[in-house]
Amino acid sequence: MNFSNKQYKNFRMGVENYSFVKEVLNSDSDNYFGSNITNENALFTNTIPYNHLNYSVEFDIAPLSGIIFKVNELKREK
């Protein structure tokens, strides 16, 4: 949730495991008469630790909006 009137590009969020992350709902979508600042492409976590978690993902978030992601953990081959 972004309760401010500022847009955030490349907002980083910590994720516990290596994962595939897909946006499933974005309140800023043009389906809901928003400005359509969405994350249409699937995202993969990267190995940049963030907020005491081993992985992180970056995404864009519109002002005054909320996003729901589906996170699927992936197995890493050694």
PDB file of N, CA and C in Angstrom:
ATOM      1  N   MET A   1       0.850  -1.183   0.000  1.00  0.00           N
ATOM      2  CA  MET A   1       0.000   0.000   0.000  1.00  0.00           C
ATOM      3  C   MET A   1       0.888   1.236   0.000  1.00  0.00           C
ATOM      4  N   ASN A   2       0.530   2.182  -0.811  1.00  0.00           N
ATOM      5  CA  ASN A   2       1.201   3.473  -0.837  1.00  0.00           C
ATOM      6  C   ASN A   2       0.147   4.527  -0.499  1.00  0.00           C
ATOM      7  N   PHE A   3       0.233   5.065   0.704  1.00  0.00           N
ATOM      8  CA  PHE A   3      -0.742   6.055   1.154  1.00  0.00           C
ATOM      9  C   PHE A   3      -0.296   7.481   0.868  1.00  0.00           C
ATOM     10  N   SER A   4       0.856   7.639   0.204  1.00  0.00           N
ATOM     11  CA  SER A   4       1.333   8.992  -0.115  1.00  0.00           C
ATOM     12  C   SER A   4       0.927   9.356  -1.538  1.00  0.00           C
ATOM     13  N   ASN A   5       1.118  10.619  -1.875  1.00  0.00           N
ATOM     14  CA  ASN A   5       0.806  11.064  -3.233  1.00  0.00           C
ATOM     15  C   ASN A   5       2.039  11.032  -4.130  1.00  0.00           C
ATOM     16  N   LYS A   6       3.060  10.264  -3.743  1.00  0.00           N
ATOM     17  CA  LYS A   6       4.302  10.158  -4.500  1.00  0.00           C
ATOM     18  C   LYS A   6       4.392   8.785  -5.167  1.00  0.00           C
ATOM     19  N   GLN A   7       4.812   8.780  -6.441  1.00  0.00           N
ATOM     20  CA  GLN A   7       5.066   7.521  -7.143  1.00  0.00           C
ATOM     21  C   GLN A   7       6.467   7.028  -6.786  1.00  0.00           C
ATOM     22  N   TYR A   8       6.610   5.725  -6.626  1.00  0.00           N
ATOM     23  CA  TYR A   8       7.915   5.131  -6.344  1.00  0.00           C
ATOM     24  C   TYR A   8       8.302   4.202  -7.488  1.00  0.00           C
ATOM     25  N   LYS A   9       9.412   4.520  -8.144  1.00  0.00           N
ATOM     26  CA  LYS A   9       9.957   3.646  -9.185  1.00  0.00           C
ATOM     27  C   LYS A   9      11.053   2.803  -8.560  1.00  0.00           C
ATOM     28  N   ASN A  10      11.135   1.566  -8.974  1.00  0.00           N
ATOM     29  CA  ASN A  10      12.150   0.644  -8.463  1.00  0.00           C
ATOM     30  C   ASN A  10      12.122   0.537  -6.942  1.00  0.00           C
ATOM     31  N   PHE A  11      10.931   0.471  -6.386  1.00  0.00           N
ATOM     32  CA  PHE A  11      10.757   0.288  -4.951  1.00  0.00           C
ATOM     33  C   PHE A  11      11.252  -1.113  -4.591  1.00  0.00           C
ATOM     34  N   ARG A  12      12.126  -1.213  -3.615  1.00  0.00           N
ATOM     35  CA  ARG A  12      12.711  -2.500  -3.238  1.00  0.00           C
ATOM     36  C   ARG A  12      11.989  -3.075  -2.022  1.00  0.00           C
ATOM     37  N   MET A  13      11.689  -4.386  -2.114  1.00  0.00           N
ATOM     38  CA  MET A  13      11.038  -5.094  -1.028  1.00  0.00           C
ATOM     39  C   MET A  13      11.816  -6.386  -0.771  1.00  0.00           C
ATOM     40  N   GLY A  14      12.090  -6.681   0.481  1.00  0.00           N
ATOM     41  CA  GLY A  14      12.782  -7.907   0.843  1.00  0.00           C
ATOM     42  C   GLY A  14      11.891  -9.123   0.690  1.00  0.00           C
ATOM     43  N   VAL A  15      12.510 -10.230   0.268  1.00  0.00           N
ATOM     44  CA  VAL A  15      11.804 -11.494   0.078  1.00  0.00           C
ATOM     45  C   VAL A  15      12.667 -12.590   0.707  1.00  0.00           C
ATOM     46  N   GLU A  16      12.035 -13.529   1.366  1.00  0.00           N
ATOM     47  CA  GLU A  16      12.766 -14.548   2.116  1.00  0.00           C
ATOM     48  C   GLU A  16      13.535 -15.524   1.226  1.00  0.00           C
ATOM     49  N   ASN A  17      12.925 -15.941   0.106  1.00  0.00           N
ATOM     50  CA  ASN A  17      13.530 -16.972  -0.740  1.00  0.00           C
ATOM     51  C   ASN A  17      13.603 -16.525  -2.193  1.00  0.00           C
ATOM     52  N   TYR A  18      14.442 -17.211  -2.963  1.00  0.00           N
ATOM     53  CA  TYR A  18      14.499 -16.977  -4.409  1.00  0.00           C
ATOM     54  C   TYR A  18      13.125 -17.299  -4.967  1.00  0.00           C
ATOM     55  N   SER A  19      12.511 -16.341  -5.677  1.00  0.00           N
ATOM     56  CA  SER A  19      11.106 -16.494  -6.056  1.00  0.00           C
ATOM     57  C   SER A  19      10.783 -15.834  -7.381  1.00  0.00           C
ATOM     58  N   PHE A  20       9.672 -16.253  -7.924  1.00  0.00           N
ATOM     59  CA  PHE A  20       9.018 -15.675  -9.088  1.00  0.00           C
ATOM     60  C   PHE A  20       7.852 -14.869  -8.521  1.00  0.00           C
ATOM     61  N   VAL A  21       7.767 -13.596  -8.868  1.00  0.00           N
ATOM     62  CA  VAL A  21       6.766 -12.709  -8.278  1.00  0.00           C
ATOM     63  C   VAL A  21       5.887 -12.139  -9.401  1.00  0.00           C
ATOM     64  N   LYS A  22       4.585 -12.275  -9.274  1.00  0.00           N
ATOM     65  CA  LYS A  22       3.652 -11.809 -10.291  1.00  0.00           C
ATOM     66  C   LYS A  22       2.579 -10.939  -9.649  1.00  0.00           C
ATOM     67  N   GLU A  23       2.359  -9.777 -10.231  1.00  0.00           N
ATOM     68  CA  GLU A  23       1.299  -8.891  -9.754  1.00  0.00           C
ATOM     69  C   GLU A  23      -0.047  -9.494 -10.138  1.00  0.00           C
ATOM     70  N   VAL A  24      -0.937  -9.627  -9.159  1.00  0.00           N
ATOM     71  CA  VAL A  24      -2.269 -10.167  -9.441  1.00  0.00           C
ATOM     72  C   VAL A  24      -3.369  -9.120  -9.295  1.00  0.00           C
ATOM     73  N   LEU A  25      -3.098  -8.059  -8.550  1.00  0.00           N
ATOM     74  CA  LEU A  25      -4.064  -6.974  -8.429  1.00  0.00           C
ATOM     75  C   LEU A  25      -3.319  -5.681  -8.176  1.00  0.00           C
ATOM     76  N   ASN A  26      -3.705  -4.649  -8.905  1.00  0.00           N
ATOM     77  CA  ASN A  26      -3.130  -3.325  -8.713  1.00  0.00           C
ATOM     78  C   ASN A  26      -4.280  -2.328  -8.771  1.00  0.00           C
ATOM     79  N   SER A  27      -4.511  -1.614  -7.696  1.00  0.00           N
ATOM     80  CA  SER A  27      -5.639  -0.677  -7.644  1.00  0.00           C
ATOM     81  C   SER A  27      -5.457   0.498  -8.593  1.00  0.00           C
ATOM     82  N   ASP A  28      -4.248   0.692  -9.148  1.00  0.00           N
ATOM     83  CA  ASP A  28      -4.005   1.780 -10.095  1.00  0.00           C
ATOM     84  C   ASP A  28      -4.217   1.340 -11.541  1.00  0.00           C
ATOM     85  N   SER A  29      -4.634   0.109 -11.760  1.00  0.00           N
ATOM     86  CA  SER A  29      -4.881  -0.393 -13.104  1.00  0.00           C
ATOM     87  C   SER A  29      -5.967   0.427 -13.796  1.00  0.00           C
ATOM     88  N   ASP A  30      -5.881   0.518 -15.118  1.00  0.00           N
ATOM     89  CA  ASP A  30      -6.935   1.229 -15.836  1.00  0.00           C
ATOM     90  C   ASP A  30      -8.269   0.484 -15.750  1.00  0.00           C
ATOM     91  N   ASN A  31      -8.252  -0.796 -15.345  1.00  0.00           N
ATOM     92  CA  ASN A  31      -9.505  -1.523 -15.087  1.00  0.00           C
ATOM     93  C   ASN A  31     -10.302  -0.867 -13.968  1.00  0.00           C
ATOM     94  N   TYR A  32      -9.583  -0.174 -13.070  1.00  0.00           N
ATOM     95  CA  TYR A  32     -10.225   0.504 -11.944  1.00  0.00           C
ATOM     96  C   TYR A  32     -10.143   2.016 -12.103  1.00  0.00           C
ATOM     97  N   PHE A  33      -9.957   2.463 -13.347  1.00  0.00           N
ATOM     98  CA  PHE A  33      -9.899   3.890 -13.698  1.00  0.00           C
ATOM     99  C   PHE A  33      -8.693   4.588 -13.089  1.00  0.00           C
ATOM    100  N   GLY A  34      -7.595   3.842 -12.915  1.00  0.00           N
ATOM    101  CA  GLY A  34      -6.347   4.414 -12.421  1.00  0.00           C
ATOM    102  C   GLY A  34      -5.474   4.894 -13.569  1.00  0.00           C
ATOM    103  N   SER A  35      -4.271   5.316 -13.228  1.00  0.00           N
ATOM    104  CA  SER A  35      -3.342   5.843 -14.231  1.00  0.00           C
ATOM    105  C   SER A  35      -2.513   4.742 -14.896  1.00  0.00           C
ATOM    106  N   ASN A  36      -2.731   3.486 -14.502  1.00  0.00           N
ATOM    107  CA  ASN A  36      -2.132   2.300 -15.096  1.00  0.00           C
ATOM    108  C   ASN A  36      -0.618   2.193 -14.880  1.00  0.00           C
ATOM    109  N   ILE A  37      -0.167   2.596 -13.705  1.00  0.00           N
ATOM    110  CA  ILE A  37       1.227   2.354 -13.310  1.00  0.00           C
ATOM    111  C   ILE A  37       1.235   0.965 -12.689  1.00  0.00           C
ATOM    112  N   THR A  38       1.538  -0.028 -13.523  1.00  0.00           N
ATOM    113  CA  THR A  38       1.460  -1.421 -13.103  1.00  0.00           C
ATOM    114  C   THR A  38       2.771  -2.137 -13.385  1.00  0.00           C
ATOM    115  N   ASN A  39       2.860  -3.360 -12.938  1.00  0.00           N
ATOM    116  CA  ASN A  39       4.028  -4.218 -13.140  1.00  0.00           C
ATOM    117  C   ASN A  39       3.561  -5.443 -13.913  1.00  0.00           C
ATOM    118  N   GLU A  40       3.409  -5.286 -15.215  1.00  0.00           N
ATOM    119  CA  GLU A  40       2.832  -6.341 -16.042  1.00  0.00           C
ATOM    120  C   GLU A  40       3.736  -7.551 -16.170  1.00  0.00           C
ATOM    121  N   ASN A  41       5.044  -7.327 -16.232  1.00  0.00           N
ATOM    122  CA  ASN A  41       5.971  -8.441 -16.408  1.00  0.00           C
ATOM    123  C   ASN A  41       6.216  -9.145 -15.079  1.00  0.00           C
ATOM    124  N   ALA A  42       6.391 -10.439 -15.161  1.00  0.00           N
ATOM    125  CA  ALA A  42       6.753 -11.211 -13.976  1.00  0.00           C
ATOM    126  C   ALA A  42       8.132 -10.781 -13.501  1.00  0.00           C
ATOM    127  N   LEU A  43       8.338 -10.822 -12.213  1.00  0.00           N
ATOM    128  CA  LEU A  43       9.601 -10.398 -11.616  1.00  0.00           C
ATOM    129  C   LEU A  43      10.269 -11.583 -10.937  1.00  0.00           C
ATOM    130  N   PHE A  44      11.580 -11.597 -10.976  1.00  0.00           N
ATOM    131  CA  PHE A  44      12.342 -12.588 -10.231  1.00  0.00           C
ATOM    132  C   PHE A  44      13.112 -11.862  -9.143  1.00  0.00           C
ATOM    133  N   THR A  45      13.204 -12.472  -7.992  1.00  0.00           N
ATOM    134  CA  THR A  45      13.989 -11.865  -6.919  1.00  0.00           C
ATOM    135  C   THR A  45      15.459 -11.881  -7.315  1.00  0.00           C
ATOM    136  N   ASN A  46      16.221 -10.977  -6.721  1.00  0.00           N
ATOM    137  CA  ASN A  46      17.662 -10.968  -6.946  1.00  0.00           C
ATOM    138  C   ASN A  46      18.375 -11.176  -5.621  1.00  0.00           C
ATOM    139  N   THR A  47      19.675 -11.341  -5.674  1.00  0.00           N
ATOM    140  CA  THR A  47      20.447 -11.704  -4.483  1.00  0.00           C
ATOM    141  C   THR A  47      20.913 -10.488  -3.692  1.00  0.00           C
ATOM    142  N   ILE A  48      20.197  -9.404  -3.797  1.00  0.00           N
ATOM    143  CA  ILE A  48      20.487  -8.217  -2.986  1.00  0.00           C
ATOM    144  C   ILE A  48      19.666  -8.316  -1.704  1.00  0.00           C
ATOM    145  N   PRO A  49      20.315  -8.543  -0.557  1.00  0.00           N
ATOM    146  CA  PRO A  49      19.560  -8.627   0.702  1.00  0.00           C
ATOM    147  C   PRO A  49      18.891  -7.282   1.023  1.00  0.00           C
ATOM    148  N   TYR A  50      17.731  -7.360   1.654  1.00  0.00           N
ATOM    149  CA  TYR A  50      17.003  -6.142   2.016  1.00  0.00           C
ATOM    150  C   TYR A  50      16.097  -6.442   3.205  1.00  0.00           C
ATOM    151  N   ASN A  51      16.049  -5.529   4.159  1.00  0.00           N
ATOM    152  CA  ASN A  51      15.211  -5.683   5.358  1.00  0.00           C
ATOM    153  C   ASN A  51      15.449  -7.018   6.064  1.00  0.00           C
ATOM    154  N   HIS A  52      16.696  -7.388   6.208  1.00  0.00           N
ATOM    155  CA  HIS A  52      17.099  -8.608   6.910  1.00  0.00           C
ATOM    156  C   HIS A  52      16.637  -9.884   6.212  1.00  0.00           C
ATOM    157  N   LEU A  53      16.314  -9.791   4.927  1.00  0.00           N
ATOM    158  CA  LEU A  53      15.935 -10.963   4.138  1.00  0.00           C
ATOM    159  C   LEU A  53      16.987 -11.186   3.060  1.00  0.00           C
ATOM    160  N   ASN A  54      17.161 -12.423   2.621  1.00  0.00           N
ATOM    161  CA  ASN A  54      18.249 -12.780   1.716  1.00  0.00           C
ATOM    162  C   ASN A  54      18.082 -12.282   0.288  1.00  0.00           C
ATOM    163  N   TYR A  55      16.868 -12.051  -0.144  1.00  0.00           N
ATOM    164  CA  TYR A  55      16.587 -11.648  -1.521  1.00  0.00           C
ATOM    165  C   TYR A  55      15.722 -10.392  -1.520  1.00  0.00           C
ATOM    166  N   SER A  56      15.609  -9.802  -2.705  1.00  0.00           N
ATOM    167  CA  SER A  56      14.715  -8.648  -2.839  1.00  0.00           C
ATOM    168  C   SER A  56      14.202  -8.572  -4.268  1.00  0.00           C
ATOM    169  N   VAL A  57      13.186  -7.773  -4.436  1.00  0.00           N
ATOM    170  CA  VAL A  57      12.582  -7.550  -5.744  1.00  0.00           C
ATOM    171  C   VAL A  57      12.258  -6.063  -5.849  1.00  0.00           C
ATOM    172  N   GLU A  58      12.331  -5.533  -7.068  1.00  0.00           N
ATOM    173  CA  GLU A  58      11.999  -4.122  -7.295  1.00  0.00           C
ATOM    174  C   GLU A  58      10.763  -4.024  -8.176  1.00  0.00           C
ATOM    175  N   PHE A  59       9.907  -3.058  -7.853  1.00  0.00           N
ATOM    176  CA  PHE A  59       8.706  -2.835  -8.652  1.00  0.00           C
ATOM    177  C   PHE A  59       8.312  -1.368  -8.532  1.00  0.00           C
ATOM    178  N   ASP A  60       7.396  -0.946  -9.393  1.00  0.00           N
ATOM    179  CA  ASP A  60       6.878   0.421  -9.372  1.00  0.00           C
ATOM    180  C   ASP A  60       5.548   0.428  -8.644  1.00  0.00           C
ATOM    181  N   ILE A  61       5.321   1.502  -7.901  1.00  0.00           N
ATOM    182  CA  ILE A  61       4.037   1.641  -7.204  1.00  0.00           C
ATOM    183  C   ILE A  61       3.528   3.066  -7.374  1.00  0.00           C
ATOM    184  N   ALA A  62       2.283   3.157  -7.780  1.00  0.00           N
ATOM    185  CA  ALA A  62       1.651   4.447  -8.046  1.00  0.00           C
ATOM    186  C   ALA A  62       1.244   5.131  -6.745  1.00  0.00           C
ATOM    187  N   PRO A  63       1.020   6.440  -6.808  1.00  0.00           N
ATOM    188  CA  PRO A  63       0.518   7.151  -5.632  1.00  0.00           C
ATOM    189  C   PRO A  63      -0.863   6.616  -5.222  1.00  0.00           C
ATOM    190  N   LEU A  64      -1.099   6.606  -3.944  1.00  0.00           N
ATOM    191  CA  LEU A  64      -2.419   6.258  -3.401  1.00  0.00           C
ATOM    192  C   LEU A  64      -2.957   4.954  -3.993  1.00  0.00           C
ATOM    193  N   SER A  65      -2.143   3.913  -3.928  1.00  0.00           N
ATOM    194  CA  SER A  65      -2.549   2.652  -4.545  1.00  0.00           C
ATOM    195  C   SER A  65      -2.102   1.465  -3.696  1.00  0.00           C
ATOM    196  N   GLY A  66      -2.588   0.309  -4.070  1.00  0.00           N
ATOM    197  CA  GLY A  66      -2.199  -0.929  -3.412  1.00  0.00           C
ATOM    198  C   GLY A  66      -1.951  -2.016  -4.440  1.00  0.00           C
ATOM    199  N   ILE A  67      -1.033  -2.924  -4.133  1.00  0.00           N
ATOM    200  CA  ILE A  67      -0.684  -4.017  -5.034  1.00  0.00           C
ATOM    201  C   ILE A  67      -0.704  -5.325  -4.243  1.00  0.00           C
ATOM    202  N   ILE A  68      -1.203  -6.361  -4.887  1.00  0.00           N
ATOM    203  CA  ILE A  68      -1.114  -7.710  -4.339  1.00  0.00           C
ATOM    204  C   ILE A  68      -0.280  -8.537  -5.306  1.00  0.00           C
ATOM    205  N   PHE A  69       0.723  -9.222  -4.754  1.00  0.00           N
ATOM    206  CA  PHE A  69       1.590 -10.086  -5.550  1.00  0.00           C
ATOM    207  C   PHE A  69       1.375 -11.543  -5.159  1.00  0.00           C
ATOM    208  N   LYS A  70       1.549 -12.422  -6.128  1.00  0.00           N
ATOM    209  CA  LYS A  70       1.625 -13.849  -5.856  1.00  0.00           C
ATOM    210  C   LYS A  70       3.109 -14.207  -5.916  1.00  0.00           C
ATOM    211  N   VAL A  71       3.609 -14.853  -4.868  1.00  0.00           N
ATOM    212  CA  VAL A  71       5.027 -15.202  -4.779  1.00  0.00           C
ATOM    213  C   VAL A  71       5.145 -16.716  -4.840  1.00  0.00           C
ATOM    214  N   ASN A  72       5.910 -17.192  -5.821  1.00  0.00           N
ATOM    215  CA  ASN A  72       6.163 -18.627  -5.965  1.00  0.00           C
ATOM    216  C   ASN A  72       7.651 -18.878  -5.725  1.00  0.00           C
ATOM    217  N   GLU A  73       7.957 -19.616  -4.677  1.00  0.00           N
ATOM    218  CA  GLU A  73       9.350 -19.930  -4.376  1.00  0.00           C
ATOM    219  C   GLU A  73       9.906 -20.857  -5.442  1.00  0.00           C
ATOM    220  N   LEU A  74      11.154 -20.586  -5.854  1.00  0.00           N
ATOM    221  CA  LEU A  74      11.835 -21.400  -6.856  1.00  0.00           C
ATOM    222  C   LEU A  74      13.016 -22.107  -6.212  1.00  0.00           C
ATOM    223  N   LYS A  75      13.327 -23.280  -6.695  1.00  0.00           N
ATOM    224  CA  LYS A  75      14.503 -24.012  -6.212  1.00  0.00           C
ATOM    225  C   LYS A  75      15.693 -23.581  -7.068  1.00  0.00           C
ATOM    226  N   ARG A  76      16.788 -23.260  -6.398  1.00  0.00           N
ATOM    227  CA  ARG A  76      18.006 -22.867  -7.111  1.00  0.00           C
ATOM    228  C   ARG A  76      18.878 -24.083  -7.276  1.00  0.00           C
ATOM    229  N   GLU A  77      19.370 -24.276  -8.507  1.00  0.00           N
ATOM    230  CA  GLU A  77      20.302 -25.360  -8.735  1.00  0.00           C
ATOM    231  C   GLU A  77      21.683 -24.929  -8.301  1.00  0.00           C
ATOM    232  N   LYS A  78      22.426 -25.857  -7.709  1.00  0.00           N
ATOM    233  CA  LYS A  78      23.758 -25.518  -7.193  1.00  0.00           C
ATOM    234  C   LYS A  78      24.820 -25.720  -8.228  1.00  0.00           C
TER     235      LYS A  78
END
